[in-house]
Amino acid sequence: MTSAEKRAAVGGFLWIVAMVQYFVAQIAVAAHWRTPYSWRDNYISDLGNTDCGAFLATYVCSPLAGVMNASFIVAGLLTVAGVGLLRSVWPDTNTATVGVLLWILAGAGKVLVGVAPANENLPLHQIGTVNLPLGSVAILLLALATRHTRIGMFGIVAAVFGLLGTAMSIFAPELLGVGGAERLAGYPGDIWLFVVGAAALLPRRESAEVLAEVS
């Protein structure tokens, strides 16, 4: 295994850890709400609100808000660390480089979401939520840079769904609820991070097959 492959494997592991802890945190924190948490009508950020009360359209009270905010921060930091270690996975092109830089910004945005809960600093929090469309655009650019590969084709699909969710969040949140639309905007990117991370951990032969050109 070359040094680049070792770095990619470490980066892949970090992305897997980031996404597993992020989803486990959401489920665990939501389960501790005294009033039922709605995956359709509550924002993901509601899990990190540090106070109880009517917030926007719903009542929010998250006893484990600190856990969720820590999870946002960890996910963001590991995303940034992982993308640097995984740089060798993508070609050395301007398109891929911009995609990598956007992932760094997206990871920083997720950190900001955890540092500035919506009920404490809404303007700063909203800046952080731009991580969702940034992640989708980053995936699209990286997918286009590897569009003839299996992972590239998967990335295009993930990016399209993520951008669709972003558009729905802005123009038609009532279709899936604000929480559902936000998840459609964000979860495809999260799944992509996990899949790419897992591919980076595969033995060289299997990893090469994932990145091989589709005939």
N, C-alpha and C. Protein backbone atom coordinates (compact mmCIF):
# COMPACT_ATOMS: atom_id res chain seq x y z
N MET A 1 0.84 -1.19 0.00
CA MET A 1 0.00 0.00 0.00
C MET A 1 0.88 1.25 0.00
N THR A 2 0.64 2.14 -0.96
CA THR A 2 1.43 3.36 -1.05
C THR A 2 1.02 4.35 0.04
N SER A 3 1.82 5.39 0.22
CA SER A 3 1.49 6.40 1.22
C SER A 3 0.19 7.11 0.88
N ALA A 4 -0.06 7.34 -0.41
CA ALA A 4 -1.31 7.98 -0.83
C ALA A 4 -2.51 7.09 -0.50
N GLU A 5 -2.35 5.78 -0.70
CA GLU A 5 -3.43 4.85 -0.37
C GLU A 5 -3.66 4.79 1.13
N LYS A 6 -2.60 4.88 1.90
CA LYS A 6 -2.75 4.89 3.36
C LYS A 6 -3.49 6.14 3.82
N ARG A 7 -3.12 7.29 3.25
CA ARG A 7 -3.81 8.53 3.60
C ARG A 7 -5.29 8.46 3.23
N ALA A 8 -5.57 7.90 2.05
CA ALA A 8 -6.95 7.78 1.61
C ALA A 8 -7.74 6.86 2.53
N ALA A 9 -7.12 5.78 2.98
CA ALA A 9 -7.79 4.85 3.89
C ALA A 9 -8.12 5.53 5.21
N VAL A 10 -7.19 6.32 5.72
CA VAL A 10 -7.44 7.06 6.97
C VAL A 10 -8.56 8.07 6.75
N GLY A 11 -8.52 8.77 5.62
CA GLY A 11 -9.57 9.72 5.31
C GLY A 11 -10.93 9.06 5.19
N GLY A 12 -10.96 7.90 4.54
CA GLY A 12 -12.21 7.16 4.43
C GLY A 12 -12.75 6.74 5.78
N PHE A 13 -11.86 6.29 6.66
CA PHE A 13 -12.27 5.91 8.00
C PHE A 13 -12.85 7.10 8.75
N LEU A 14 -12.24 8.26 8.62
CA LEU A 14 -12.74 9.47 9.28
C LEU A 14 -14.14 9.83 8.78
N TRP A 15 -14.36 9.69 7.48
CA TRP A 15 -15.68 9.99 6.94
C TRP A 15 -16.73 9.01 7.44
N ILE A 16 -16.37 7.75 7.54
CA ILE A 16 -17.32 6.76 8.07
C ILE A 16 -17.67 7.08 9.51
N VAL A 17 -16.66 7.35 10.32
CA VAL A 17 -16.90 7.71 11.73
C VAL A 17 -17.78 8.95 11.82
N ALA A 18 -17.49 9.95 10.99
CA ALA A 18 -18.25 11.20 10.99
C ALA A 18 -19.73 10.94 10.76
N MET A 19 -20.04 10.13 9.76
CA MET A 19 -21.44 9.91 9.41
C MET A 19 -22.15 8.98 10.38
N VAL A 20 -21.46 7.95 10.85
CA VAL A 20 -22.09 7.04 11.81
C VAL A 20 -22.46 7.78 13.09
N GLN A 21 -21.50 8.53 13.65
CA GLN A 21 -21.80 9.25 14.89
C GLN A 21 -22.87 10.31 14.67
N TYR A 22 -22.91 10.91 13.49
CA TYR A 22 -23.89 11.96 13.18
C TYR A 22 -25.30 11.40 13.17
N PHE A 23 -25.50 10.24 12.53
CA PHE A 23 -26.83 9.66 12.48
C PHE A 23 -27.23 9.04 13.81
N VAL A 24 -26.29 8.43 14.50
CA VAL A 24 -26.59 7.89 15.83
C VAL A 24 -27.01 9.02 16.77
N ALA A 25 -26.32 10.14 16.70
CA ALA A 25 -26.65 11.29 17.55
C ALA A 25 -28.06 11.79 17.25
N GLN A 26 -28.42 11.89 15.99
CA GLN A 26 -29.76 12.37 15.64
C GLN A 26 -30.84 11.46 16.24
N ILE A 27 -30.65 10.17 16.08
CA ILE A 27 -31.64 9.21 16.58
C ILE A 27 -31.72 9.26 18.10
N ALA A 28 -30.57 9.28 18.76
CA ALA A 28 -30.54 9.28 20.22
C ALA A 28 -31.11 10.57 20.80
N VAL A 29 -30.73 11.70 20.23
CA VAL A 29 -31.21 12.98 20.75
C VAL A 29 -32.71 13.13 20.50
N ALA A 30 -33.18 12.74 19.33
CA ALA A 30 -34.62 12.82 19.03
C ALA A 30 -35.43 11.94 19.98
N ALA A 31 -34.89 10.80 20.34
CA ALA A 31 -35.60 9.87 21.22
C ALA A 31 -35.81 10.43 22.62
N HIS A 32 -35.02 11.42 23.01
CA HIS A 32 -35.13 11.98 24.35
C HIS A 32 -36.03 13.21 24.42
N TRP A 33 -36.65 13.57 23.31
CA TRP A 33 -37.59 14.69 23.35
C TRP A 33 -38.84 14.28 24.14
N ARG A 34 -39.31 15.17 25.01
CA ARG A 34 -40.54 14.90 25.75
C ARG A 34 -41.75 15.08 24.85
N THR A 35 -41.72 16.11 24.04
CA THR A 35 -42.72 16.23 22.98
C THR A 35 -42.14 15.54 21.75
N PRO A 36 -42.96 14.77 21.04
CA PRO A 36 -42.41 13.97 19.93
C PRO A 36 -41.66 14.83 18.91
N TYR A 37 -40.48 14.37 18.55
CA TYR A 37 -39.71 15.03 17.49
C TYR A 37 -40.23 14.53 16.15
N SER A 38 -40.53 15.47 15.25
CA SER A 38 -41.05 15.11 13.93
C SER A 38 -39.93 15.17 12.90
N TRP A 39 -39.64 14.03 12.30
CA TRP A 39 -38.62 13.99 11.26
C TRP A 39 -39.10 14.72 10.02
N ARG A 40 -40.39 14.97 9.94
CA ARG A 40 -40.96 15.69 8.80
C ARG A 40 -41.04 17.19 9.05
N ASP A 41 -41.45 17.57 10.25
CA ASP A 41 -41.76 18.97 10.51
C ASP A 41 -40.75 19.70 11.38
N ASN A 42 -39.78 18.99 11.92
CA ASN A 42 -38.72 19.64 12.69
C ASN A 42 -37.43 19.68 11.88
N TYR A 43 -36.73 20.80 11.98
CA TYR A 43 -35.41 20.88 11.36
C TYR A 43 -34.42 19.97 12.09
N ILE A 44 -33.38 19.56 11.41
CA ILE A 44 -32.30 18.84 12.08
C ILE A 44 -31.71 19.71 13.18
N SER A 45 -31.58 21.00 12.90
CA SER A 45 -31.00 21.94 13.85
C SER A 45 -31.80 22.04 15.14
N ASP A 46 -33.10 21.71 15.09
CA ASP A 46 -33.92 21.75 16.30
C ASP A 46 -33.35 20.83 17.38
N LEU A 47 -32.69 19.77 16.96
CA LEU A 47 -32.10 18.84 17.92
C LEU A 47 -30.99 19.51 18.73
N GLY A 48 -30.42 20.60 18.20
CA GLY A 48 -29.35 21.29 18.88
C GLY A 48 -29.77 22.57 19.58
N ASN A 49 -31.06 22.90 19.56
CA ASN A 49 -31.53 24.11 20.25
C ASN A 49 -31.32 23.96 21.75
N THR A 50 -30.75 24.97 22.35
CA THR A 50 -30.35 24.88 23.76
C THR A 50 -31.40 25.39 24.73
N ASP A 51 -32.58 25.76 24.24
CA ASP A 51 -33.65 26.24 25.10
C ASP A 51 -34.96 25.66 24.62
N CYS A 52 -35.96 25.67 25.48
CA CYS A 52 -37.27 25.15 25.12
C CYS A 52 -38.23 26.29 24.81
N GLY A 53 -39.10 26.07 23.85
CA GLY A 53 -40.10 27.08 23.52
C GLY A 53 -40.52 26.98 22.07
N ALA A 54 -41.49 27.84 21.72
CA ALA A 54 -41.96 27.89 20.34
C ALA A 54 -40.90 28.54 19.49
N PHE A 55 -40.42 27.82 18.50
CA PHE A 55 -39.36 28.34 17.63
C PHE A 55 -39.80 28.14 16.20
N LEU A 56 -39.92 29.26 15.45
CA LEU A 56 -40.47 29.23 14.11
C LEU A 56 -41.86 28.58 14.15
N ALA A 57 -42.06 27.46 13.47
CA ALA A 57 -43.41 26.90 13.36
C ALA A 57 -43.71 25.81 14.37
N THR A 58 -42.74 25.37 15.13
CA THR A 58 -42.95 24.23 16.02
C THR A 58 -42.38 24.49 17.41
N TYR A 59 -42.87 23.69 18.37
CA TYR A 59 -42.32 23.75 19.73
C TYR A 59 -41.07 22.89 19.77
N VAL A 60 -40.03 23.43 20.36
CA VAL A 60 -38.74 22.76 20.39
C VAL A 60 -38.26 22.63 21.82
N CYS A 61 -37.85 21.42 22.20
CA CYS A 61 -37.25 21.20 23.51
C CYS A 61 -36.36 19.96 23.40
N SER A 62 -35.06 20.18 23.37
CA SER A 62 -34.11 19.10 23.14
C SER A 62 -33.19 18.93 24.35
N PRO A 63 -33.52 17.98 25.24
CA PRO A 63 -32.72 17.80 26.46
C PRO A 63 -31.24 17.48 26.19
N LEU A 64 -30.95 16.84 25.07
CA LEU A 64 -29.57 16.47 24.75
C LEU A 64 -29.00 17.35 23.64
N ALA A 65 -29.35 18.63 23.68
CA ALA A 65 -28.88 19.55 22.65
C ALA A 65 -27.36 19.58 22.56
N GLY A 66 -26.70 19.50 23.70
CA GLY A 66 -25.23 19.52 23.70
C GLY A 66 -24.63 18.36 22.94
N VAL A 67 -25.28 17.21 23.02
CA VAL A 67 -24.80 16.03 22.28
C VAL A 67 -24.91 16.27 20.78
N MET A 68 -26.05 16.85 20.36
CA MET A 68 -26.23 17.09 18.93
C MET A 68 -25.26 18.14 18.41
N ASN A 69 -25.06 19.19 19.19
CA ASN A 69 -24.14 20.24 18.74
C ASN A 69 -22.70 19.71 18.66
N ALA A 70 -22.34 18.86 19.62
CA ALA A 70 -21.02 18.24 19.56
C ALA A 70 -20.90 17.36 18.32
N SER A 71 -22.00 16.69 17.97
CA SER A 71 -21.99 15.82 16.79
C SER A 71 -21.83 16.63 15.51
N PHE A 72 -22.51 17.79 15.43
CA PHE A 72 -22.33 18.67 14.28
C PHE A 72 -20.85 19.04 14.13
N ILE A 73 -20.25 19.43 15.24
CA ILE A 73 -18.85 19.88 15.22
C ILE A 73 -17.91 18.75 14.81
N VAL A 74 -18.11 17.58 15.41
CA VAL A 74 -17.26 16.43 15.08
C VAL A 74 -17.42 16.05 13.60
N ALA A 75 -18.67 16.02 13.13
CA ALA A 75 -18.91 15.67 11.72
C ALA A 75 -18.22 16.65 10.79
N GLY A 76 -18.30 17.93 11.12
CA GLY A 76 -17.66 18.94 10.28
C GLY A 76 -16.15 18.83 10.27
N LEU A 77 -15.57 18.66 11.45
CA LEU A 77 -14.11 18.56 11.54
C LEU A 77 -13.58 17.32 10.82
N LEU A 78 -14.27 16.19 10.98
CA LEU A 78 -13.83 14.96 10.33
C LEU A 78 -14.03 15.02 8.81
N THR A 79 -15.07 15.75 8.39
CA THR A 79 -15.26 15.94 6.95
C THR A 79 -14.09 16.70 6.35
N VAL A 80 -13.69 17.78 7.01
CA VAL A 80 -12.57 18.58 6.52
C VAL A 80 -11.27 17.77 6.52
N ALA A 81 -11.02 17.06 7.62
CA ALA A 81 -9.80 16.25 7.70
C ALA A 81 -9.80 15.15 6.63
N GLY A 82 -10.95 14.52 6.45
CA GLY A 82 -11.04 13.43 5.49
C GLY A 82 -10.84 13.87 4.06
N VAL A 83 -11.39 15.01 3.69
CA VAL A 83 -11.27 15.44 2.30
C VAL A 83 -9.82 15.76 1.94
N GLY A 84 -9.07 16.26 2.90
CA GLY A 84 -7.65 16.50 2.65
C GLY A 84 -6.89 15.20 2.42
N LEU A 85 -7.19 14.21 3.24
CA LEU A 85 -6.50 12.93 3.12
C LEU A 85 -6.91 12.15 1.87
N LEU A 86 -8.11 12.42 1.39
CA LEU A 86 -8.64 11.70 0.23
C LEU A 86 -8.38 12.42 -1.10
N ARG A 87 -7.63 13.50 -1.07
CA ARG A 87 -7.43 14.30 -2.29
C ARG A 87 -6.92 13.46 -3.45
N SER A 88 -6.08 12.48 -3.18
CA SER A 88 -5.48 11.68 -4.26
C SER A 88 -6.49 10.78 -4.97
N VAL A 89 -7.68 10.62 -4.38
CA VAL A 89 -8.70 9.77 -5.00
C VAL A 89 -9.22 10.40 -6.29
N TRP A 90 -9.24 11.73 -6.35
CA TRP A 90 -9.79 12.43 -7.51
C TRP A 90 -8.67 12.96 -8.39
N PRO A 91 -8.95 13.15 -9.66
CA PRO A 91 -7.92 13.64 -10.58
C PRO A 91 -7.45 15.05 -10.23
N ASP A 92 -6.27 15.37 -10.68
CA ASP A 92 -5.69 16.69 -10.42
C ASP A 92 -6.17 17.68 -11.48
N THR A 93 -7.45 18.03 -11.38
CA THR A 93 -8.06 18.97 -12.32
C THR A 93 -8.66 20.13 -11.56
N ASN A 94 -8.95 21.22 -12.26
CA ASN A 94 -9.56 22.38 -11.62
C ASN A 94 -10.93 22.04 -11.05
N THR A 95 -11.69 21.23 -11.79
CA THR A 95 -13.03 20.85 -11.33
C THR A 95 -12.96 20.11 -10.00
N ALA A 96 -12.07 19.13 -9.92
CA ALA A 96 -11.93 18.35 -8.69
C ALA A 96 -11.40 19.22 -7.55
N THR A 97 -10.48 20.11 -7.86
CA THR A 97 -9.91 20.97 -6.82
C THR A 97 -10.97 21.88 -6.22
N VAL A 98 -11.82 22.45 -7.07
CA VAL A 98 -12.91 23.29 -6.56
C VAL A 98 -13.86 22.46 -5.71
N GLY A 99 -14.14 21.23 -6.16
CA GLY A 99 -15.00 20.34 -5.38
C GLY A 99 -14.43 20.07 -4.00
N VAL A 100 -13.13 19.83 -3.92
CA VAL A 100 -12.48 19.59 -2.63
C VAL A 100 -12.57 20.83 -1.75
N LEU A 101 -12.33 22.00 -2.32
CA LEU A 101 -12.40 23.24 -1.55
C LEU A 101 -13.81 23.49 -1.03
N LEU A 102 -14.81 23.18 -1.85
CA LEU A 102 -16.20 23.34 -1.40
C LEU A 102 -16.53 22.39 -0.26
N TRP A 103 -15.95 21.17 -0.29
CA TRP A 103 -16.17 20.25 0.81
C TRP A 103 -15.55 20.78 2.10
N ILE A 104 -14.42 21.44 1.99
CA ILE A 104 -13.80 22.05 3.17
C ILE A 104 -14.72 23.13 3.74
N LEU A 105 -15.29 23.95 2.86
CA LEU A 105 -16.22 24.99 3.31
C LEU A 105 -17.49 24.37 3.90
N ALA A 106 -17.97 23.29 3.28
CA ALA A 106 -19.16 22.61 3.80
C ALA A 106 -18.92 22.04 5.19
N GLY A 107 -17.75 21.44 5.39
CA GLY A 107 -17.41 20.93 6.71
C GLY A 107 -17.32 22.03 7.73
N ALA A 108 -16.73 23.16 7.35
CA ALA A 108 -16.65 24.30 8.25
C ALA A 108 -18.04 24.82 8.59
N GLY A 109 -18.94 24.78 7.61
CA GLY A 109 -20.31 25.21 7.86
C GLY A 109 -21.01 24.33 8.86
N LYS A 110 -20.77 23.02 8.79
CA LYS A 110 -21.39 22.12 9.76
C LYS A 110 -20.86 22.37 11.16
N VAL A 111 -19.57 22.69 11.26
CA VAL A 111 -19.00 23.07 12.56
C VAL A 111 -19.72 24.30 13.09
N LEU A 112 -19.95 25.27 12.22
CA LEU A 112 -20.61 26.51 12.63
C LEU A 112 -22.03 26.26 13.12
N VAL A 113 -22.72 25.30 12.50
CA VAL A 113 -24.07 24.94 12.94
C VAL A 113 -24.05 24.48 14.40
N GLY A 114 -23.02 23.71 14.77
CA GLY A 114 -22.92 23.24 16.15
C GLY A 114 -22.43 24.29 17.12
N VAL A 115 -21.58 25.18 16.65
CA VAL A 115 -21.04 26.24 17.52
C VAL A 115 -22.10 27.30 17.80
N ALA A 116 -22.96 27.56 16.83
CA ALA A 116 -23.97 28.61 16.96
C ALA A 116 -25.36 28.02 16.79
N PRO A 117 -25.95 27.45 17.85
CA PRO A 117 -27.31 26.92 17.75
C PRO A 117 -28.29 27.99 17.26
N ALA A 118 -29.33 27.57 16.57
CA ALA A 118 -30.25 28.52 15.94
C ALA A 118 -30.91 29.46 16.94
N ASN A 119 -31.19 28.98 18.15
CA ASN A 119 -31.87 29.84 19.13
C ASN A 119 -30.92 30.83 19.79
N GLU A 120 -29.61 30.65 19.63
CA GLU A 120 -28.64 31.54 20.25
C GLU A 120 -28.09 32.57 19.26
N ASN A 121 -27.85 32.17 18.04
CA ASN A 121 -27.30 33.08 17.04
C ASN A 121 -27.80 32.64 15.67
N LEU A 122 -29.03 33.03 15.36
CA LEU A 122 -29.67 32.56 14.12
C LEU A 122 -28.92 33.00 12.85
N PRO A 123 -28.48 34.26 12.74
CA PRO A 123 -27.77 34.65 11.52
C PRO A 123 -26.52 33.80 11.26
N LEU A 124 -25.72 33.58 12.31
CA LEU A 124 -24.51 32.77 12.15
C LEU A 124 -24.86 31.32 11.84
N HIS A 125 -25.91 30.84 12.50
CA HIS A 125 -26.36 29.47 12.27
C HIS A 125 -26.80 29.28 10.82
N GLN A 126 -27.52 30.27 10.29
CA GLN A 126 -28.00 30.16 8.91
C GLN A 126 -26.85 30.18 7.91
N ILE A 127 -25.80 30.92 8.23
CA ILE A 127 -24.60 30.86 7.38
C ILE A 127 -24.05 29.44 7.36
N GLY A 128 -24.05 28.81 8.53
CA GLY A 128 -23.55 27.44 8.62
C GLY A 128 -24.37 26.45 7.83
N THR A 129 -25.69 26.68 7.74
CA THR A 129 -26.55 25.73 7.03
C THR A 129 -26.30 25.73 5.52
N VAL A 130 -25.55 26.70 5.03
CA VAL A 130 -25.19 26.70 3.60
C VAL A 130 -24.32 25.48 3.28
N ASN A 131 -23.88 24.76 4.33
CA ASN A 131 -23.10 23.54 4.10
C ASN A 131 -23.87 22.52 3.27
N LEU A 132 -25.20 22.56 3.33
CA LEU A 132 -25.98 21.56 2.58
C LEU A 132 -25.86 21.76 1.07
N PRO A 133 -26.20 22.93 0.52
CA PRO A 133 -26.00 23.08 -0.93
C PRO A 133 -24.53 23.06 -1.34
N LEU A 134 -23.65 23.55 -0.48
CA LEU A 134 -22.22 23.49 -0.81
C LEU A 134 -21.77 22.05 -0.99
N GLY A 135 -22.23 21.18 -0.10
CA GLY A 135 -21.88 19.77 -0.19
C GLY A 135 -22.40 19.14 -1.48
N SER A 136 -23.63 19.49 -1.86
CA SER A 136 -24.20 18.93 -3.09
C SER A 136 -23.42 19.39 -4.32
N VAL A 137 -23.06 20.68 -4.35
CA VAL A 137 -22.29 21.19 -5.49
C VAL A 137 -20.90 20.55 -5.52
N ALA A 138 -20.31 20.37 -4.33
CA ALA A 138 -19.00 19.73 -4.26
C ALA A 138 -19.06 18.31 -4.81
N ILE A 139 -20.09 17.57 -4.44
CA ILE A 139 -20.26 16.21 -4.94
C ILE A 139 -20.42 16.22 -6.45
N LEU A 140 -21.22 17.16 -6.96
CA LEU A 140 -21.44 17.23 -8.40
C LEU A 140 -20.13 17.48 -9.14
N LEU A 141 -19.32 18.39 -8.63
CA LEU A 141 -18.04 18.69 -9.29
C LEU A 141 -17.10 17.49 -9.26
N LEU A 142 -17.02 16.83 -8.11
CA LEU A 142 -16.15 15.66 -8.00
C LEU A 142 -16.68 14.51 -8.86
N ALA A 143 -18.02 14.42 -8.95
CA ALA A 143 -18.61 13.39 -9.80
C ALA A 143 -18.33 13.66 -11.27
N LEU A 144 -18.42 14.91 -11.67
CA LEU A 144 -18.13 15.25 -13.07
C LEU A 144 -16.67 14.99 -13.41
N ALA A 145 -15.80 15.19 -12.41
CA ALA A 145 -14.37 14.93 -12.63
C ALA A 145 -14.08 13.45 -12.79
N THR A 146 -15.01 12.61 -12.30
CA THR A 146 -14.83 11.15 -12.40
C THR A 146 -16.09 10.51 -13.00
N ARG A 147 -16.70 11.21 -13.95
CA ARG A 147 -18.05 10.85 -14.41
C ARG A 147 -18.11 9.50 -15.12
N HIS A 148 -16.99 8.97 -15.56
CA HIS A 148 -17.00 7.68 -16.25
C HIS A 148 -16.79 6.50 -15.29
N THR A 149 -16.76 6.79 -14.01
CA THR A 149 -16.56 5.74 -13.01
C THR A 149 -17.86 5.46 -12.26
N ARG A 150 -17.91 4.34 -11.57
CA ARG A 150 -19.09 4.00 -10.80
C ARG A 150 -19.34 5.02 -9.70
N ILE A 151 -18.27 5.41 -9.00
CA ILE A 151 -18.43 6.35 -7.91
C ILE A 151 -18.84 7.72 -8.45
N GLY A 152 -18.39 8.05 -9.67
CA GLY A 152 -18.78 9.30 -10.28
C GLY A 152 -20.26 9.32 -10.63
N MET A 153 -20.76 8.22 -11.17
CA MET A 153 -22.18 8.13 -11.51
C MET A 153 -23.04 8.20 -10.26
N PHE A 154 -22.59 7.53 -9.20
CA PHE A 154 -23.31 7.59 -7.93
C PHE A 154 -23.33 9.02 -7.40
N GLY A 155 -22.21 9.73 -7.54
CA GLY A 155 -22.13 11.10 -7.07
C GLY A 155 -23.09 12.02 -7.80
N ILE A 156 -23.25 11.83 -9.09
CA ILE A 156 -24.19 12.65 -9.85
C ILE A 156 -25.60 12.46 -9.33
N VAL A 157 -25.99 11.23 -9.06
CA VAL A 157 -27.32 10.95 -8.52
C VAL A 157 -27.49 11.60 -7.15
N ALA A 158 -26.49 11.44 -6.28
CA ALA A 158 -26.56 12.03 -4.94
C ALA A 158 -26.66 13.54 -5.01
N ALA A 159 -25.89 14.16 -5.90
CA ALA A 159 -25.91 15.61 -6.03
C ALA A 159 -27.25 16.11 -6.52
N VAL A 160 -27.84 15.42 -7.48
CA VAL A 160 -29.14 15.83 -8.02
C VAL A 160 -30.20 15.78 -6.93
N PHE A 161 -30.23 14.71 -6.15
CA PHE A 161 -31.20 14.62 -5.06
C PHE A 161 -30.95 15.70 -4.01
N GLY A 162 -29.68 15.95 -3.68
CA GLY A 162 -29.37 16.97 -2.70
C GLY A 162 -29.80 18.36 -3.16
N LEU A 163 -29.52 18.69 -4.41
CA LEU A 163 -29.92 20.00 -4.93
C LEU A 163 -31.43 20.10 -5.06
N LEU A 164 -32.09 18.99 -5.37
CA LEU A 164 -33.55 18.98 -5.40
C LEU A 164 -34.11 19.29 -4.02
N GLY A 165 -33.50 18.69 -2.99
CA GLY A 165 -33.93 18.96 -1.63
C GLY A 165 -33.72 20.41 -1.24
N THR A 166 -32.61 20.99 -1.67
CA THR A 166 -32.36 22.40 -1.39
C THR A 166 -33.41 23.28 -2.05
N ALA A 167 -33.72 23.00 -3.31
CA ALA A 167 -34.75 23.76 -4.01
C ALA A 167 -36.11 23.61 -3.34
N MET A 168 -36.40 22.40 -2.90
CA MET A 168 -37.67 22.15 -2.23
C MET A 168 -37.73 22.89 -0.89
N SER A 169 -36.61 22.94 -0.18
CA SER A 169 -36.57 23.65 1.10
C SER A 169 -36.89 25.13 0.92
N ILE A 170 -36.48 25.68 -0.22
CA ILE A 170 -36.68 27.11 -0.47
C ILE A 170 -38.06 27.40 -1.05
N PHE A 171 -38.47 26.60 -2.03
CA PHE A 171 -39.65 26.94 -2.80
C PHE A 171 -40.90 26.13 -2.45
N ALA A 172 -40.75 24.93 -1.93
CA ALA A 172 -41.93 24.10 -1.66
C ALA A 172 -41.71 23.20 -0.45
N PRO A 173 -41.39 23.77 0.72
CA PRO A 173 -41.12 22.93 1.90
C PRO A 173 -42.34 22.15 2.38
N GLU A 174 -43.53 22.60 1.97
CA GLU A 174 -44.74 21.92 2.43
C GLU A 174 -44.88 20.52 1.84
N LEU A 175 -44.21 20.24 0.75
CA LEU A 175 -44.35 18.93 0.11
C LEU A 175 -43.84 17.80 1.00
N LEU A 176 -42.71 17.99 1.62
CA LEU A 176 -42.14 16.97 2.51
C LEU A 176 -42.06 17.44 3.95
N GLY A 177 -42.51 18.68 4.22
CA GLY A 177 -42.29 19.28 5.52
C GLY A 177 -40.90 19.88 5.56
N VAL A 178 -40.68 20.84 6.43
CA VAL A 178 -39.37 21.49 6.46
C VAL A 178 -38.26 20.51 6.82
N GLY A 179 -38.59 19.56 7.71
CA GLY A 179 -37.59 18.57 8.10
C GLY A 179 -37.31 17.57 6.99
N GLY A 180 -38.36 17.16 6.31
CA GLY A 180 -38.19 16.22 5.21
C GLY A 180 -37.39 16.82 4.06
N ALA A 181 -37.71 18.07 3.73
CA ALA A 181 -36.98 18.74 2.64
C ALA A 181 -35.52 18.94 3.01
N GLU A 182 -35.28 19.32 4.28
CA GLU A 182 -33.89 19.52 4.72
C GLU A 182 -33.11 18.21 4.66
N ARG A 183 -33.76 17.14 5.01
CA ARG A 183 -33.08 15.84 4.96
C ARG A 183 -32.81 15.40 3.52
N LEU A 184 -33.73 15.71 2.63
CA LEU A 184 -33.47 15.40 1.22
C LEU A 184 -32.30 16.23 0.71
N ALA A 185 -32.14 17.44 1.25
CA ALA A 185 -31.02 18.29 0.85
C ALA A 185 -29.70 17.80 1.41
N GLY A 186 -29.74 17.23 2.62
CA GLY A 186 -28.49 16.88 3.30
C GLY A 186 -28.10 15.41 3.31
N TYR A 187 -29.08 14.52 3.42
CA TYR A 187 -28.76 13.11 3.58
C TYR A 187 -28.06 12.48 2.37
N PRO A 188 -28.40 12.86 1.13
CA PRO A 188 -27.64 12.28 0.01
C PRO A 188 -26.14 12.55 0.11
N GLY A 189 -25.78 13.75 0.56
CA GLY A 189 -24.37 14.07 0.76
C GLY A 189 -23.75 13.25 1.87
N ASP A 190 -24.52 13.04 2.93
CA ASP A 190 -24.01 12.23 4.04
C ASP A 190 -23.78 10.79 3.60
N ILE A 191 -24.73 10.27 2.83
CA ILE A 191 -24.59 8.90 2.32
C ILE A 191 -23.38 8.81 1.38
N TRP A 192 -23.20 9.83 0.56
CA TRP A 192 -22.05 9.86 -0.36
C TRP A 192 -20.74 9.82 0.41
N LEU A 193 -20.65 10.61 1.48
CA LEU A 193 -19.44 10.60 2.31
C LEU A 193 -19.16 9.20 2.85
N PHE A 194 -20.21 8.54 3.32
CA PHE A 194 -20.05 7.19 3.88
C PHE A 194 -19.60 6.21 2.79
N VAL A 195 -20.24 6.27 1.62
CA VAL A 195 -19.92 5.34 0.54
C VAL A 195 -18.49 5.55 0.04
N VAL A 196 -18.10 6.80 -0.17
CA VAL A 196 -16.73 7.08 -0.62
C VAL A 196 -15.73 6.65 0.45
N GLY A 197 -16.07 6.90 1.71
CA GLY A 197 -15.20 6.47 2.80
C GLY A 197 -15.03 4.97 2.83
N ALA A 198 -16.13 4.25 2.63
CA ALA A 198 -16.06 2.79 2.61
C ALA A 198 -15.25 2.29 1.42
N ALA A 199 -15.41 2.93 0.26
CA ALA A 199 -14.65 2.53 -0.92
C ALA A 199 -13.16 2.72 -0.71
N ALA A 200 -12.80 3.78 0.02
CA ALA A 200 -11.38 4.04 0.27
C ALA A 200 -10.76 3.00 1.20
N LEU A 201 -11.60 2.31 1.97
CA LEU A 201 -11.10 1.29 2.89
C LEU A 201 -11.00 -0.09 2.25
N LEU A 202 -11.57 -0.24 1.06
CA LEU A 202 -11.53 -1.54 0.40
C LEU A 202 -10.10 -1.90 0.01
N PRO A 203 -9.80 -3.19 -0.08
CA PRO A 203 -8.49 -3.59 -0.61
C PRO A 203 -8.27 -2.98 -1.99
N ARG A 204 -7.02 -2.88 -2.40
CA ARG A 204 -6.67 -2.15 -3.62
C ARG A 204 -7.48 -2.62 -4.82
N ARG A 205 -7.64 -3.91 -4.99
CA ARG A 205 -8.33 -4.43 -6.17
C ARG A 205 -9.79 -4.00 -6.19
N GLU A 206 -10.48 -4.19 -5.05
CA GLU A 206 -11.89 -3.82 -4.99
C GLU A 206 -12.08 -2.32 -5.12
N SER A 207 -11.18 -1.55 -4.50
CA SER A 207 -11.26 -0.09 -4.60
C SER A 207 -11.06 0.36 -6.04
N ALA A 208 -10.14 -0.28 -6.74
CA ALA A 208 -9.89 0.07 -8.14
C ALA A 208 -11.12 -0.22 -8.99
N GLU A 209 -11.85 -1.30 -8.66
CA GLU A 209 -13.04 -1.64 -9.42
C GLU A 209 -14.12 -0.58 -9.23
N VAL A 210 -14.24 -0.04 -8.02
CA VAL A 210 -15.23 1.00 -7.76
C VAL A 210 -14.91 2.25 -8.57
N LEU A 211 -13.62 2.56 -8.69
CA LEU A 211 -13.19 3.76 -9.39
C LEU A 211 -12.93 3.53 -10.87
N ALA A 212 -13.12 2.29 -11.32
CA ALA A 212 -12.82 1.97 -12.71
C ALA A 212 -13.85 2.60 -13.65
N GLU A 213 -13.44 2.82 -14.89
CA GLU A 213 -14.36 3.37 -15.87
C GLU A 213 -15.45 2.36 -16.18
N VAL A 214 -16.66 2.88 -16.37
CA VAL A 214 -17.79 2.03 -16.73
C VAL A 214 -17.77 1.83 -18.23
N SER A 215 -17.80 0.59 -18.66
CA SER A 215 -17.73 0.31 -20.10
C SER A 215 -19.09 0.52 -20.76
